[in-house]
């Protein structure tokens, strides 16, 4: 039985930041691309969890604990993404309240 490490939006953001720094030393960190990469990562985690649970129900190729771990990873990734979204919205609202 092989276990996969838990991937999250934070690791995707860090990886995107490192990749951008290596690829374009004169260019700054691109938040939009990092967010897109994070959303893509969460989506892939959720699709993998769905695939594992479907294979468990139809073919029986996975143990129940593998299914539960995959589902929990997807849930944790989604909750983390939701919290990042909430923080971005909160920061935006704070900036909009600043009087110039």
Protein backbone atom coordinates (compact mmCIF):
# COMPACT_ATOMS: atom_id res chain seq x y z
CA UNK A 1 0.00 0.00 0.00
CA UNK A 2 1.39 3.36 -1.04
CA UNK A 3 0.36 6.57 0.61
CA UNK A 4 0.42 9.91 -1.12
CA UNK A 5 1.43 13.07 0.72
CA UNK A 6 -1.28 15.58 1.46
CA UNK A 7 -1.16 18.37 -1.07
CA UNK A 8 -2.77 21.67 -0.35
CA UNK A 9 -3.17 25.10 -1.74
CA UNK A 10 -0.27 26.30 0.40
CA UNK A 11 2.14 23.87 -1.18
CA UNK A 12 0.82 24.78 -4.62
CA UNK A 13 1.32 28.47 -3.89
CA UNK A 14 4.86 27.85 -2.65
CA UNK A 15 5.65 25.69 -5.68
CA UNK A 16 4.23 28.34 -8.01
CA UNK A 17 6.28 31.01 -6.27
CA UNK A 18 9.48 28.96 -6.62
CA UNK A 19 8.70 28.10 -10.26
CA UNK A 20 8.08 31.75 -11.11
CA UNK A 21 11.29 32.81 -9.39
CA UNK A 22 13.29 30.26 -11.36
CA UNK A 23 11.59 30.95 -14.70
CA UNK A 24 11.55 34.73 -14.65
CA UNK A 25 14.05 36.32 -12.26
CA UNK A 26 13.11 39.87 -13.33
CA UNK A 27 9.39 39.24 -13.02
CA UNK A 28 7.44 39.39 -9.76
CA UNK A 29 5.19 36.81 -8.16
CA UNK A 30 1.91 36.43 -10.06
CA UNK A 31 -0.95 36.00 -7.62
CA UNK A 32 -3.49 35.19 -10.33
CA UNK A 33 -1.45 32.29 -11.65
CA UNK A 34 -0.78 31.01 -8.12
CA UNK A 35 -4.50 31.05 -7.31
CA UNK A 36 -5.30 29.30 -10.59
CA UNK A 37 -2.69 26.63 -9.83
CA UNK A 38 -4.12 26.20 -6.33
CA UNK A 39 -7.68 25.81 -7.60
CA UNK A 40 -6.49 23.32 -10.20
CA UNK A 41 -4.68 21.36 -7.50
CA UNK A 42 -7.77 21.25 -5.28
CA UNK A 43 -9.91 20.18 -8.24
CA UNK A 44 -7.50 17.36 -9.09
CA UNK A 45 -7.50 16.22 -5.45
CA UNK A 46 -11.29 16.13 -5.44
CA UNK A 47 -11.46 14.26 -8.74
CA UNK A 48 -8.91 11.72 -7.46
CA UNK A 49 -11.00 11.17 -4.32
CA UNK A 50 -14.10 10.64 -6.44
CA UNK A 51 -12.23 8.19 -8.66
CA UNK A 52 -10.94 6.21 -5.67
CA UNK A 53 -14.40 6.02 -4.11
CA UNK A 54 -16.00 4.94 -7.40
CA UNK A 55 -13.37 2.26 -7.90
CA UNK A 56 -13.95 1.04 -4.35
CA UNK A 57 -17.69 0.76 -4.95
CA UNK A 58 -17.53 -0.80 -8.40
CA UNK A 59 -14.32 -2.81 -8.61
CA UNK A 60 -13.22 -3.17 -5.01
CA UNK A 61 -9.65 -2.26 -5.95
CA UNK A 62 -9.08 0.01 -2.93
CA UNK A 63 -9.37 -0.55 0.81
CA UNK A 64 -11.87 1.51 2.76
CA UNK A 65 -9.11 3.38 4.59
CA UNK A 66 -7.64 4.52 1.25
CA UNK A 67 -11.04 5.86 0.27
CA UNK A 68 -11.46 7.69 3.58
CA UNK A 69 -7.96 9.19 3.34
CA UNK A 70 -8.58 10.39 -0.23
CA UNK A 71 -11.91 11.93 0.75
CA UNK A 72 -10.40 13.65 3.80
CA UNK A 73 -7.55 15.04 1.70
CA UNK A 74 -10.06 16.47 -0.74
CA UNK A 75 -12.16 17.90 2.09
CA UNK A 76 -9.15 19.49 3.78
CA UNK A 77 -7.90 20.97 0.50
CA UNK A 78 -11.33 22.44 -0.23
CA UNK A 79 -11.66 23.91 3.26
CA UNK A 80 -8.20 25.45 2.96
CA UNK A 81 -9.13 26.96 -0.40
CA UNK A 82 -12.31 28.38 1.13
CA UNK A 83 -10.32 30.01 3.94
CA UNK A 84 -7.87 31.52 1.45
CA UNK A 85 -10.83 32.93 -0.49
CA UNK A 86 -12.28 34.39 2.71
CA UNK A 87 -8.97 36.06 3.56
CA UNK A 88 -8.67 37.53 0.06
CA UNK A 89 -12.20 38.94 0.27
CA UNK A 90 -11.49 40.31 3.74
CA UNK A 91 -8.29 41.99 2.50
CA UNK A 92 -10.15 43.46 -0.47
CA UNK A 93 -12.84 44.86 1.82
CA UNK A 94 -10.18 46.36 4.10
CA UNK A 95 -8.54 48.06 1.13
CA UNK A 96 -11.89 49.40 -0.06
CA UNK A 97 -12.52 50.95 3.40
CA UNK A 98 -9.29 52.93 3.32
CA UNK A 99 -9.97 56.62 2.91
CA UNK A 100 -7.67 58.44 0.55
